[in-house]
Protein backbone atom coordinates (compact mmCIF):
# COMPACT_ATOMS: atom_id res chain seq x y z
CA UNK A 1 58.91 97.56 51.25
CA UNK A 2 59.35 94.29 53.11
CA UNK A 3 58.77 95.92 56.48
CA UNK A 4 55.07 96.09 55.77
CA UNK A 5 54.69 92.33 56.02
CA UNK A 6 54.35 89.93 58.91
CA UNK A 7 57.06 87.73 60.38
CA UNK A 8 55.16 84.88 61.97
CA UNK A 9 52.51 82.22 61.48
CA UNK A 10 48.77 82.44 61.97
CA UNK A 11 47.44 81.76 65.45
CA UNK A 12 44.09 80.10 65.76
CA UNK A 13 43.83 79.53 69.51
CA UNK A 14 41.36 81.55 71.51
CA UNK A 15 42.81 82.63 74.84
CA UNK A 16 40.69 82.71 77.97
CA UNK A 17 40.48 85.82 80.15
CA UNK A 18 41.04 86.38 83.85
CA UNK A 19 38.04 87.11 86.01
CA UNK A 20 37.46 90.73 87.10
CA UNK A 21 39.19 91.80 90.28
CA UNK A 22 37.09 91.59 93.42
CA UNK A 23 36.73 94.17 96.22
CA UNK A 24 39.99 95.31 97.77
CA UNK A 25 41.05 97.16 100.85
CA UNK A 26 41.05 100.89 100.18
CA UNK A 27 44.40 102.60 100.67
CA UNK A 28 44.75 106.09 102.05
CA UNK A 29 45.02 108.87 99.50
CA UNK A 30 48.43 110.39 98.94
CA UNK A 31 47.77 112.28 95.72
CA UNK A 32 51.18 111.12 94.52
CA UNK A 33 52.03 109.90 91.05
CA UNK A 34 52.48 106.09 91.05
CA UNK A 35 56.17 105.27 90.90
CA UNK A 36 56.06 102.11 88.82
CA UNK A 37 54.10 100.51 86.01
CA UNK A 38 52.62 98.02 88.49
CA UNK A 39 48.99 98.68 87.66
CA UNK A 40 48.73 102.44 87.99
CA UNK A 41 44.95 102.16 87.59
CA UNK A 42 44.49 100.29 90.88
CA UNK A 43 46.69 102.79 92.69
CA UNK A 44 44.62 105.72 91.52
CA UNK A 45 41.40 103.84 92.27
CA UNK A 46 42.59 103.36 95.87
CA UNK A 47 43.40 107.05 96.03
CA UNK A 48 40.11 108.23 94.56
CA UNK A 49 37.92 105.99 96.73
CA UNK A 50 39.67 107.15 99.88
CA UNK A 51 39.38 110.81 98.87
CA UNK A 52 35.72 110.42 97.92
CA UNK A 53 34.92 108.85 101.28
CA UNK A 54 36.57 111.81 103.01
CA UNK A 55 34.85 114.48 100.92
CA UNK A 56 31.44 112.97 100.17
CA UNK A 57 30.82 109.73 102.10
CA UNK A 58 27.93 107.69 100.79
CA UNK A 59 27.72 109.55 97.48
CA UNK A 60 28.74 108.35 94.01
CA UNK A 61 32.39 108.78 93.16
CA UNK A 62 32.74 111.54 90.55
CA UNK A 63 35.50 111.55 87.92
CA UNK A 64 35.59 113.97 85.04
CA UNK A 65 36.89 114.72 81.56
CA UNK A 66 36.52 117.78 79.39
CA UNK A 67 36.43 117.84 75.59
CA UNK A 68 36.15 120.82 73.29
CA UNK A 69 34.44 119.96 69.97
CA UNK A 70 36.32 122.77 68.22
CA UNK A 71 37.37 120.34 65.48
CA UNK A 72 38.12 116.62 65.11
CA UNK A 73 38.62 115.18 68.60
CA UNK A 74 41.89 113.33 68.16
CA UNK A 75 43.76 110.48 69.82
CA UNK A 76 45.59 112.87 72.13
CA UNK A 77 42.23 114.12 73.45
CA UNK A 78 41.22 110.48 74.00
CA UNK A 79 43.73 110.27 76.87
CA UNK A 80 41.68 112.93 78.65
CA UNK A 81 38.82 110.39 78.61
CA UNK A 82 40.60 107.04 78.91
CA UNK A 83 42.58 107.95 82.04
CA UNK A 84 39.49 108.64 84.23
CA UNK A 85 37.52 105.92 82.43
CA UNK A 86 39.99 103.22 83.41
CA UNK A 87 40.04 104.44 87.01
CA UNK A 88 36.23 104.71 87.11
CA UNK A 89 35.89 101.23 85.67
CA UNK A 90 38.18 99.76 88.32
CA UNK A 91 36.10 101.47 91.02
CA UNK A 92 32.92 100.01 89.49
CA UNK A 93 34.49 96.55 89.53
CA UNK A 94 34.85 96.96 93.27
CA UNK A 95 31.13 97.57 93.62
CA UNK A 96 31.04 101.37 94.00
CA UNK A 97 28.71 103.73 92.16
CA UNK A 98 30.66 106.01 89.86
CA UNK A 99 29.80 108.94 87.60
CA UNK A 100 32.21 109.69 84.79
CA UNK A 101 31.31 113.16 83.59
CA UNK A 102 32.36 114.38 80.18
CA UNK A 103 31.88 118.11 79.93
CA UNK A 104 31.43 119.06 76.31
CA UNK A 105 32.93 122.54 76.18
CA UNK A 106 30.59 123.46 73.35
CA UNK A 107 29.98 126.97 74.72
CA UNK A 108 33.65 127.84 74.18
CA UNK A 109 34.45 130.44 71.57
CA UNK A 110 35.26 129.39 68.02
CA UNK A 111 38.96 130.33 67.97
CA UNK A 112 40.08 129.56 64.44
CA UNK A 113 39.16 127.60 61.35
CA UNK A 114 40.82 124.15 61.53
CA UNK A 115 42.74 122.98 58.50
CA UNK A 116 41.82 120.01 56.38
CA UNK A 117 38.11 119.76 57.29
CA UNK A 118 35.94 118.66 54.38
CA UNK A 119 33.19 121.15 53.64
CA UNK A 120 34.96 124.01 55.46
CA UNK A 121 36.90 126.94 54.05
CA UNK A 122 38.47 129.97 55.68
CA UNK A 123 36.12 132.19 53.71
CA UNK A 124 32.97 130.43 54.89
CA UNK A 125 33.84 130.05 58.56
CA UNK A 126 36.23 132.90 59.40
CA UNK A 127 33.23 135.15 60.05
CA UNK A 128 32.15 132.96 62.98
CA UNK A 129 35.32 133.33 65.06
CA UNK A 130 34.32 134.47 68.56
CA UNK A 131 30.91 132.82 68.58
CA UNK A 132 30.01 129.79 70.72
CA UNK A 133 30.78 126.50 69.01
CA UNK A 134 27.08 125.64 69.07
CA UNK A 135 26.34 128.84 67.11
CA UNK A 136 28.74 127.97 64.28
CA UNK A 137 27.34 126.16 61.23
CA UNK A 138 28.40 122.54 60.80
CA UNK A 139 30.65 121.66 57.85
CA UNK A 140 28.80 121.58 54.55
CA UNK A 141 26.89 118.34 54.08
CA UNK A 142 26.78 117.47 57.79
CA UNK A 143 23.67 115.88 59.27
CA UNK A 144 24.14 117.84 62.50
CA UNK A 145 22.72 121.26 63.43
CA UNK A 146 25.99 122.98 64.36
CA UNK A 147 29.76 122.73 64.52
CA UNK A 148 29.90 121.30 68.05
CA UNK A 149 27.30 118.59 67.48
CA UNK A 150 29.06 117.51 64.28
CA UNK A 151 32.33 116.74 66.06
CA UNK A 152 30.71 115.46 69.27
CA UNK A 153 28.85 112.80 67.28
CA UNK A 154 31.98 111.13 65.93
CA UNK A 155 33.61 111.02 69.36
CA UNK A 156 30.44 109.71 71.03
CA UNK A 157 30.27 106.84 68.54
CA UNK A 158 33.93 105.95 69.14
CA UNK A 159 33.49 106.00 72.92
CA UNK A 160 30.55 103.60 72.56
CA UNK A 161 32.76 101.22 70.55
CA UNK A 162 35.44 101.50 73.25
CA UNK A 163 33.01 100.61 76.02
CA UNK A 164 33.33 104.00 77.75
CA UNK A 165 30.33 104.72 79.98
CA UNK A 166 29.82 108.41 80.74
CA UNK A 167 27.37 111.20 81.54
CA UNK A 168 27.66 113.94 78.95
CA UNK A 169 27.13 117.56 79.98
CA UNK A 170 26.67 120.27 77.37
CA UNK A 171 28.07 123.52 78.69
CA UNK A 172 25.86 125.40 76.23
CA UNK A 173 22.82 123.88 77.91
CA UNK A 174 24.20 124.53 81.39
CA UNK A 175 24.89 128.20 80.75
CA UNK A 176 21.92 129.11 78.56
CA UNK A 177 19.42 127.46 80.93
CA UNK A 178 20.75 129.34 83.94
CA UNK A 179 22.08 126.29 85.80
CA UNK A 180 25.21 128.22 86.83
CA UNK A 181 23.45 131.48 87.70
CA UNK A 182 24.34 131.44 91.38
CA UNK A 183 27.94 130.49 90.60
CA UNK A 184 28.25 133.38 88.12
CA UNK A 185 26.87 135.89 90.60
CA UNK A 186 29.18 134.50 93.28
CA UNK A 187 32.21 134.85 91.00
CA UNK A 188 31.30 138.43 90.14
CA UNK A 189 30.85 139.26 93.82
CA UNK A 190 34.29 137.81 94.59
CA UNK A 191 36.00 139.15 91.48
CA UNK A 192 38.54 141.00 93.59
CA UNK A 193 39.63 137.76 95.27
CA UNK A 194 39.86 135.97 91.92
CA UNK A 195 41.85 138.85 90.45
CA UNK A 196 44.29 138.70 93.36
CA UNK A 197 44.91 134.99 92.77
CA UNK A 198 45.44 135.45 89.04
CA UNK A 199 47.70 138.46 89.60
CA UNK A 200 50.24 136.19 91.32
CA UNK A 201 50.89 134.49 87.98
CA UNK A 202 50.40 137.15 85.34
CA UNK A 203 54.04 138.26 85.41
CA UNK A 204 55.56 134.82 86.00
CA UNK A 205 57.44 133.01 83.30
CA UNK A 206 58.17 129.35 82.80
CA UNK A 207 61.46 128.13 84.33
CA UNK A 208 64.43 128.88 82.11
CA UNK A 209 66.01 125.96 80.31
CA UNK A 210 69.38 124.84 81.57
CA UNK A 211 72.32 125.63 79.35
CA UNK A 212 72.78 122.90 76.75
CA UNK A 213 69.43 121.30 77.56
CA UNK A 214 67.40 120.42 74.48
CA UNK A 215 63.76 119.36 74.61
CA UNK A 216 63.38 115.88 73.19
CA UNK A 217 60.27 116.65 71.20
CA UNK A 218 57.68 119.28 70.38
CA UNK A 219 55.59 118.46 73.45
CA UNK A 220 58.50 118.99 75.82
CA UNK A 221 59.49 122.15 73.97
CA UNK A 222 56.03 123.62 74.38
CA UNK A 223 55.92 122.76 78.07
CA UNK A 224 59.39 124.18 78.66
CA UNK A 225 58.67 127.47 76.95
CA UNK A 226 55.36 128.04 78.67
CA UNK A 227 51.96 126.77 77.70
CA UNK A 228 49.31 128.56 75.78
CA UNK A 229 47.03 127.72 78.69
CA UNK A 230 48.94 130.15 80.89
CA UNK A 231 48.17 132.93 78.45
CA UNK A 232 44.44 132.29 78.13
CA UNK A 233 42.05 135.19 78.63
CA UNK A 234 41.44 135.33 82.37
CA UNK A 235 39.03 138.26 82.31
CA UNK A 236 41.59 141.01 82.80
CA UNK A 237 42.09 143.88 80.38
CA UNK A 238 38.90 145.83 81.01
CA UNK A 239 39.51 149.47 81.85
CA UNK A 240 36.60 149.34 84.33
CA UNK A 241 38.30 146.68 86.48
CA UNK A 242 38.51 142.89 86.57
CA UNK A 243 35.46 140.81 85.60
CA UNK A 244 35.51 136.97 85.39
CA UNK A 245 32.46 136.89 83.12
CA UNK A 246 32.22 137.48 79.37
CA UNK A 247 28.88 138.05 77.62
CA UNK A 248 28.31 137.05 74.02
CA UNK A 249 27.26 140.14 72.07
CA UNK A 250 23.53 140.59 71.44
CA UNK A 251 24.39 142.13 68.09
CA UNK A 252 26.98 139.91 66.37
CA UNK A 253 26.90 136.96 68.77
CA UNK A 254 30.64 137.08 69.46
CA UNK A 255 32.60 137.25 72.72
CA UNK A 256 34.70 140.23 71.62
CA UNK A 257 33.08 142.23 74.42
CA UNK A 258 34.29 144.28 77.36
CA UNK A 259 32.35 144.73 80.56
CA UNK A 260 32.21 148.44 81.33
CA UNK A 261 30.35 148.31 84.65
CA UNK A 262 28.70 145.97 87.12
CA UNK A 263 26.49 146.58 90.15
CA UNK A 264 26.59 143.85 92.81
CA UNK A 265 23.24 144.85 94.32
CA UNK A 266 21.16 145.02 91.14
CA UNK A 267 23.40 142.63 89.13
CA UNK A 268 23.22 145.11 86.25
CA UNK A 269 26.08 144.59 83.81
CA UNK A 270 26.96 146.86 80.91
CA UNK A 271 29.20 145.86 78.03
CA UNK A 272 30.40 147.09 74.69
CA UNK A 273 31.27 144.89 71.72
CA UNK A 274 34.63 145.70 70.17
CA UNK A 275 33.63 143.89 66.97
CA UNK A 276 30.36 145.58 66.02
CA UNK A 277 30.09 148.41 68.57
CA UNK A 278 26.87 147.08 70.10
CA UNK A 279 26.24 148.15 73.72
CA UNK A 280 23.82 146.60 76.16
CA UNK A 281 22.91 146.64 79.83
CA UNK A 282 21.56 143.39 81.30
CA UNK A 283 20.78 141.86 84.67
CA UNK A 284 22.97 138.85 85.40
CA UNK A 285 20.23 137.52 87.66
CA UNK A 286 18.23 136.97 84.46
CA UNK A 287 20.79 136.98 81.63
CA UNK A 288 22.01 133.65 80.19
CA UNK A 289 24.06 134.62 77.12
CA UNK A 290 27.61 134.49 78.42
CA UNK A 291 30.03 132.42 80.45
CA UNK A 292 32.76 132.58 83.04
CA UNK A 293 36.28 132.87 81.67
CA UNK A 294 38.00 129.50 81.47
CA UNK A 295 40.31 129.89 84.47
CA UNK A 296 37.26 130.50 86.64
CA UNK A 297 34.83 128.26 84.79
CA UNK A 298 36.85 125.06 85.33
CA UNK A 299 37.29 125.31 89.14
CA UNK A 300 33.66 126.43 89.45
CA UNK A 301 32.64 123.14 87.82
CA UNK A 302 34.90 121.12 90.12
CA UNK A 303 32.98 122.51 93.08
CA UNK A 304 29.56 122.35 91.40
CA UNK A 305 29.92 118.69 90.35
CA UNK A 306 31.98 117.51 93.33
CA UNK A 307 34.74 116.15 91.09
CA UNK A 308 37.23 113.88 92.88
CA UNK A 309 39.46 112.88 89.95
CA UNK A 310 40.30 114.68 86.73
CA UNK A 311 43.58 114.51 84.81
CA UNK A 312 45.14 117.40 82.93
CA UNK A 313 47.62 117.68 80.09
CA UNK A 314 51.22 118.84 80.19
CA UNK A 315 50.07 122.27 79.04
CA UNK A 316 48.22 122.75 82.34
CA UNK A 317 51.34 122.30 84.49
CA UNK A 318 53.06 125.58 83.60
CA UNK A 319 52.95 128.68 85.85
CA UNK A 320 49.59 130.41 85.64
CA UNK A 321 47.88 127.56 83.84
CA UNK A 322 44.23 126.88 84.51
CA UNK A 323 44.84 123.75 86.60
CA UNK A 324 47.36 125.50 88.86
CA UNK A 325 45.33 128.65 89.51
CA UNK A 326 42.15 126.60 89.65
CA UNK A 327 43.45 124.88 92.77
CA UNK A 328 43.16 128.22 94.58
CA UNK A 329 40.05 129.59 92.87
CA UNK A 330 38.01 126.45 93.61
CA UNK A 331 38.09 127.27 97.33
CA UNK A 332 36.12 130.47 96.64
CA UNK A 333 33.29 128.22 95.44
CA UNK A 334 33.53 126.00 98.53
CA UNK A 335 35.20 123.12 96.72
CA UNK A 336 38.53 121.32 96.49
CA UNK A 337 40.79 120.63 93.55
CA UNK A 338 40.47 117.08 92.19
CA UNK A 339 43.20 114.51 92.37
CA UNK A 340 44.62 114.89 88.92
CA UNK A 341 47.68 113.33 87.31
CA UNK A 342 49.37 115.18 84.51
CA UNK A 343 49.13 113.15 81.34
CA UNK A 344 51.70 113.18 78.55
CA UNK A 345 50.96 113.67 74.89
CA UNK A 346 50.17 110.92 72.43
CA UNK A 347 52.10 110.92 69.17
CA UNK A 348 51.40 109.49 65.74
CA UNK A 349 54.30 108.15 63.66
CA UNK A 350 56.79 110.77 64.81
CA UNK A 351 54.37 113.58 65.65
CA UNK A 352 55.28 114.67 69.18
CA UNK A 353 52.04 116.52 69.88
CA UNK A 354 48.75 116.30 68.06
CA UNK A 355 46.79 119.47 67.44
CA UNK A 356 43.26 119.52 66.09
CA UNK A 357 44.10 122.73 64.23
CA UNK A 358 46.37 120.73 61.92
CA UNK A 359 44.65 118.84 59.15
CA UNK A 360 44.87 115.07 58.96
CA UNK A 361 45.39 114.39 62.67
CA UNK A 362 44.03 110.87 63.39
CA UNK A 363 40.92 110.50 65.53
CA UNK A 364 39.69 107.53 67.58
CA UNK A 365 37.44 106.65 64.64
CA UNK A 366 40.50 106.47 62.37
CA UNK A 367 42.26 104.15 64.82
CA UNK A 368 39.18 101.95 65.28
CA UNK A 369 38.98 101.51 61.53
CA UNK A 370 42.25 99.55 61.60
CA UNK A 371 42.36 98.10 65.13
CA UNK A 372 39.91 96.42 67.45
CA UNK A 373 38.71 98.40 70.49
CA UNK A 374 40.64 96.14 72.86
CA UNK A 375 43.93 97.06 71.22
CA UNK A 376 43.27 100.79 71.40
CA UNK A 377 42.20 100.52 75.06
CA UNK A 378 45.36 98.55 75.79
CA UNK A 379 47.60 101.32 74.45
CA UNK A 380 46.19 103.70 77.06
CA UNK A 381 45.93 101.14 79.87
CA UNK A 382 49.48 99.81 79.75
CA UNK A 383 51.23 103.19 80.16
CA UNK A 384 51.12 105.46 83.20
CA UNK A 385 49.46 108.79 82.41
CA UNK A 386 52.76 110.67 82.56
CA UNK A 387 54.36 108.38 79.97
CA UNK A 388 54.09 109.47 76.36
CA UNK A 389 53.55 106.88 73.64
CA UNK A 390 52.87 106.73 69.93
CA UNK A 391 50.11 105.12 67.94
CA UNK A 392 51.46 103.83 64.65
CA UNK A 393 49.40 103.70 61.51
CA UNK A 394 52.24 102.08 59.57
CA UNK A 395 53.63 98.54 59.70
CA UNK A 396 54.18 98.84 63.46
CA UNK A 397 50.53 97.93 63.94
CA UNK A 398 51.48 94.35 63.05
CA UNK A 399 54.09 94.28 65.80
CA UNK A 400 51.51 95.71 68.20
CA UNK A 401 49.04 92.96 67.35
CA UNK A 402 51.75 90.31 67.77
CA UNK A 403 52.47 91.69 71.26
CA UNK A 404 48.78 91.57 72.11
CA UNK A 405 48.40 87.98 70.90
CA UNK A 406 51.44 86.88 72.90
CA UNK A 407 50.07 88.62 75.99
CA UNK A 408 46.71 86.93 75.50
CA UNK A 409 48.44 83.54 75.38
CA UNK A 410 50.38 84.34 78.57
CA UNK A 411 47.22 85.42 80.35
CA UNK A 412 45.58 82.16 79.28
CA UNK A 413 48.38 79.98 80.65
CA UNK A 414 48.94 82.09 83.77
CA UNK A 415 52.46 83.22 82.92
CA UNK A 416 51.70 86.94 82.44
CA UNK A 417 53.15 89.40 84.95
CA UNK A 418 50.48 90.84 87.27
CA UNK A 419 50.67 94.37 85.82
CA UNK A 420 50.48 93.01 82.26
CA UNK A 421 47.53 90.78 83.14
CA UNK A 422 45.75 93.75 84.72
CA UNK A 423 46.31 95.91 81.64
CA UNK A 424 45.01 93.08 79.47
CA UNK A 425 41.88 92.70 81.59
CA UNK A 426 41.19 96.45 81.47
CA UNK A 427 41.55 96.37 77.68
CA UNK A 428 39.46 93.27 77.05
CA UNK A 429 36.50 94.09 79.27
CA UNK A 430 34.83 96.72 81.39
CA UNK A 431 32.84 96.33 84.60
CA UNK A 432 29.77 95.85 82.37
CA UNK A 433 31.28 92.84 80.59
CA UNK A 434 33.61 91.69 77.85
CA UNK A 435 33.94 93.75 74.69
CA UNK A 436 32.95 92.02 71.42
CA UNK A 437 35.96 90.21 70.00
CA UNK A 438 37.13 88.18 67.01
CA UNK A 439 36.14 84.55 67.50
CA UNK A 440 39.23 83.21 65.73
CA UNK A 441 41.93 85.89 65.87
CA UNK A 442 44.35 84.96 63.10
CA UNK A 443 47.61 86.88 62.95
CA UNK A 444 47.00 90.45 61.82
CA UNK A 445 49.98 90.45 59.45
CA UNK A 446 48.73 87.31 57.73
CA UNK A 447 45.31 88.85 57.24
CA UNK A 448 46.90 92.04 55.91
CA UNK A 449 48.96 90.03 53.41
CA UNK A 450 45.88 88.15 52.24
CA UNK A 451 43.95 91.41 51.92
CA UNK A 452 46.78 92.87 49.89
CA UNK A 453 46.96 89.99 47.40
CA UNK A 454 43.20 89.56 47.05
CA UNK A 455 42.33 93.27 47.13
CA UNK A 456 39.57 92.36 49.59
CA UNK A 457 37.85 89.75 47.39
CA UNK A 458 35.78 87.70 49.87
CA UNK A 459 35.77 84.45 47.87
CA UNK A 460 39.52 84.48 47.36
CA UNK A 461 40.08 85.47 50.98
CA UNK A 462 38.03 82.55 52.25
CA UNK A 463 39.89 80.12 49.97
CA UNK A 464 43.27 81.26 51.28
CA UNK A 465 42.25 81.32 54.93
CA UNK A 466 40.77 77.82 54.58
CA UNK A 467 44.14 76.56 53.36
CA UNK A 468 46.17 78.20 56.15
CA UNK A 469 45.51 75.26 58.45
CA UNK A 470 43.81 72.36 56.61
CA UNK A 471 43.24 70.50 59.88
CA UNK A 472 41.29 73.46 61.29
CA UNK A 473 39.99 75.34 58.24
CA UNK A 474 38.20 78.68 58.33
CA UNK A 475 34.74 77.78 57.07
CA UNK A 476 33.19 81.25 57.38
CA UNK A 477 34.78 84.70 57.28
CA UNK A 478 32.51 85.75 60.15
CA UNK A 479 34.78 83.93 62.63
CA UNK A 480 37.81 86.05 61.64
CA UNK A 481 35.93 89.33 61.79
CA UNK A 482 36.23 92.10 62.87
CA UNK A 483 40.02 91.58 62.82
CA UNK A 484 39.90 90.77 59.10
CA UNK A 485 37.97 93.99 58.43
CA UNK A 486 40.58 96.01 60.34
CA UNK A 487 43.46 94.42 58.43
CA UNK A 488 41.72 95.04 55.11
CA UNK A 489 41.14 98.68 56.02
CA UNK A 490 44.79 99.12 57.06
CA UNK A 491 46.04 97.56 53.84
CA UNK A 492 43.77 99.69 51.68
CA UNK A 493 44.54 103.00 53.41
CA UNK A 494 48.05 102.81 54.83
CA UNK A 495 50.17 100.45 52.73
CA UNK A 496 51.98 102.67 50.18
CA UNK A 497 51.17 102.06 46.53
CA UNK A 498 54.74 101.01 45.82
CA UNK A 499 54.44 98.29 48.46
CA UNK A 500 51.18 96.80 47.18
CA UNK A 501 51.39 93.31 45.69
CA UNK A 502 50.43 92.64 42.06
CA UNK A 503 50.90 89.01 41.06
CA UNK A 504 52.22 88.42 37.55
CA UNK A 505 49.61 87.38 35.00
CA UNK A 506 52.15 85.40 32.94
CA UNK A 507 55.55 83.79 33.58
CA UNK A 508 58.67 85.92 33.12
CA UNK A 509 59.99 83.81 30.27
CA UNK A 510 63.21 85.78 29.92
CA UNK A 511 64.10 85.46 33.60
CA UNK A 512 63.25 81.75 33.65
CA UNK A 513 65.43 81.10 30.61
CA UNK A 514 68.38 82.88 32.23
CA UNK A 515 68.34 80.75 35.41
CA UNK A 516 71.47 78.79 36.22
CA UNK A 517 71.31 75.14 37.29
CA UNK A 518 71.40 75.95 41.00
CA UNK A 519 68.35 78.22 40.78
CA UNK A 520 66.49 75.74 38.56
CA UNK A 521 67.16 73.05 41.15
CA UNK A 522 65.79 75.26 43.95
CA UNK A 523 62.55 75.82 42.03
CA UNK A 524 62.24 72.09 41.31
CA UNK A 525 62.58 71.24 45.00
CA UNK A 526 59.95 73.83 45.88
CA UNK A 527 57.46 72.65 43.27
CA UNK A 528 57.91 68.99 44.21
CA UNK A 529 57.01 69.79 47.81
CA UNK A 530 54.00 72.04 47.20
CA UNK A 531 51.24 69.44 47.54
CA UNK A 532 52.72 67.80 50.61
CA UNK A 533 53.31 71.13 52.37
CA UNK A 534 50.22 73.09 51.31
CA UNK A 535 49.45 74.91 54.56
CA UNK A 536 50.91 77.98 56.22
CA UNK A 537 53.19 75.99 58.53
CA UNK A 538 54.04 73.49 55.80
CA UNK A 539 55.02 76.12 53.26
CA UNK A 540 57.05 77.96 55.90
CA UNK A 541 59.02 74.74 56.46
CA UNK A 542 59.37 74.23 52.70
CA UNK A 543 60.64 77.68 51.64
CA UNK A 544 63.17 77.80 54.47
CA UNK A 545 64.16 74.17 53.87
CA UNK A 546 65.01 74.30 50.15
CA UNK A 547 68.31 76.21 50.58
CA UNK A 548 69.26 73.85 53.44
CA UNK A 549 68.70 70.76 51.28
CA UNK A 550 70.68 72.28 48.42
CA UNK A 551 73.57 72.88 50.81
CA UNK A 552 73.53 69.22 51.92
CA UNK A 553 71.61 69.58 55.18
CA UNK A 554 68.27 68.23 56.34
CA UNK A 555 65.27 70.50 55.70
CA UNK A 556 64.55 70.61 59.44
CA UNK A 557 68.15 71.31 60.50
CA UNK A 558 68.35 73.90 63.27
CA UNK A 559 70.50 77.05 63.36
CA UNK A 560 73.25 75.37 65.39
CA UNK A 561 73.72 72.76 62.66
CA UNK A 562 73.97 75.26 59.81
CA UNK A 563 76.77 77.52 58.58
CA UNK A 564 76.12 81.30 58.60
CA UNK A 565 75.99 81.51 54.82
CA UNK A 566 72.72 79.56 54.77
CA UNK A 567 70.88 82.76 55.68
CA UNK A 568 72.29 84.48 52.61
CA UNK A 569 71.22 81.51 50.48
CA UNK A 570 67.70 81.76 51.91
CA UNK A 571 67.50 85.48 51.19
CA UNK A 572 68.64 84.89 47.59
CA UNK A 573 66.05 82.14 47.15
CA UNK A 574 63.29 84.36 48.55
CA UNK A 575 64.29 87.20 46.21
CA UNK A 576 64.13 84.80 43.26
CA UNK A 577 60.61 83.70 44.17
CA UNK A 578 59.40 87.27 44.71
CA UNK A 579 60.80 88.32 41.33
CA UNK A 580 59.15 85.47 39.49
CA UNK A 581 55.80 85.83 41.30
CA UNK A 582 55.35 89.60 41.80
CA UNK A 583 58.18 91.26 39.88
CA UNK A 584 59.95 92.66 42.96
CA UNK A 585 62.65 91.53 45.39
CA UNK A 586 60.31 91.69 48.40
CA UNK A 587 56.64 91.29 49.20
CA UNK A 588 54.22 89.60 51.61
CA UNK A 589 55.56 86.73 53.66
CA UNK A 590 56.24 83.95 51.13
CA UNK A 591 54.09 81.16 52.64
CA UNK A 592 51.10 83.53 52.69
CA UNK A 593 51.86 84.71 49.17
CA UNK A 594 52.07 81.15 47.83
CA UNK A 595 48.73 80.27 49.41
CA UNK A 596 47.20 83.43 47.98
CA UNK A 597 48.48 82.77 44.46
CA UNK A 598 47.31 79.15 44.51
CA UNK A 599 49.26 75.98 43.67
CA UNK A 600 48.35 75.81 39.98
CA UNK A 601 49.28 79.43 39.33
CA UNK A 602 52.50 79.08 41.33
CA UNK A 603 53.52 76.16 39.12
CA UNK A 604 52.75 78.18 35.98
CA UNK A 605 54.69 81.28 37.10
CA UNK A 606 57.69 79.21 38.22
CA UNK A 607 57.94 77.48 34.85
CA UNK A 608 56.59 74.04 35.71
């Protein structure tokens, strides 16, 4: 599969980086979605600073994210963090104090058993559905005390690698320690007002699709047909009236409870568990084993934390969704809805929407195994929140790295467009400083080809990389790491077995004997030029030049001097070399392959 291999030469130059942006004049907040790609981060930063100065002058600017550790926290969830992180980081660069809150929704109910989790089976974990995530056992073999901590740990490590600074808030700790007691009592006292707000949406449906209109992908389809968020439990359904609070059962520990009565004066609440039949009467002024329903919980937190900026996914834009109704409920708690752009979904190799309930969905840790943090940050920084994009784990990663390297060169020579330079700066560094980087960033595709041929052998890898550019040899693999490590990991995990390169151990005597004079001549020309051209650039010139010379042209003749059929001659020559070296018609880029095989072995396999 030739598409898995690179199409360029190694780049050894180290590009410089622009200095961080200094303080700017703060624009007035409009709350509008930026209309162009011209540095959406700065536009939102202007907006958020202005809004913060109106709402809470002199206090830290508060931005927020929310993550539910109900399973692997995937690359779609990462947008929930990266959007406010990039805005917060820009505000820090301007000298403001910022708090980026990440609320770990670890007191949410365990809804279902995710697929594809090692150490987890339906039989072993089905019994825990309805319990708080922090009350569910971690997957077998985990070093962490419960389900939530197991999945939080992996995300926390990835965020550290990405340079994301945040204040984590465990909702289990908040609720069970009584931090929200006054807010819970307030919500119960105003349950009639909350019910009236929610009632406006309970019978509404998503707008009907126009005739002939087809959603372009799964994400659009889900948004068009109405989000699951609009159908979340909002506390209704109790025969005794509406209650925005749900206790976890004192018997089975699950939230399959119904409040049967509540007294505002004494705060006595009675409930019955529909799972185990347990009944209990408690005082909410003392009771800490329960939580507000989500559509009340989220706006309560906006008011409690003073959140100015928090994005939300497409699924929160439908009628009755938690973000929409939260904008009204938050006023009951004396707060205001945050500025919050809707963000689009992130896809993986054709997957329109990622769901953590589906096994094998890539996480930030998976991406960071094959790409440097700067590259992953760049993917989120260069697109407006409402633009969807895909993260490829196939050969497209090589194209992505080529784009990054070209952008780095443009930033270094000052030719990058302002928005591109800003996205680069946000990817390469944070307000705290530059992220660790590869000292000598050779082309990713070249490193992947070398990793493929050597199967990760360090001694062989160093030999090949030393010969890429004899005038500036790689003397130590440390200077090409971590990019080399990422390329090796990609090659090992994501290059299909049928595309892996296995160099012949002996010449194909039958094929060599069957060569006509023209093909023998092409091999002779190649072998005669090996020593003189033994570098990546030199071998590139040589393999492309042989067919030109055979056709009567100079080896360095340009496209305008050559007839169209030269390209066909070159392809035939390449196929011949691949067949004789690796037994296939395609493979890694030929100059890299020749360097990897070594001059002596090349001569042997080509019949010299």
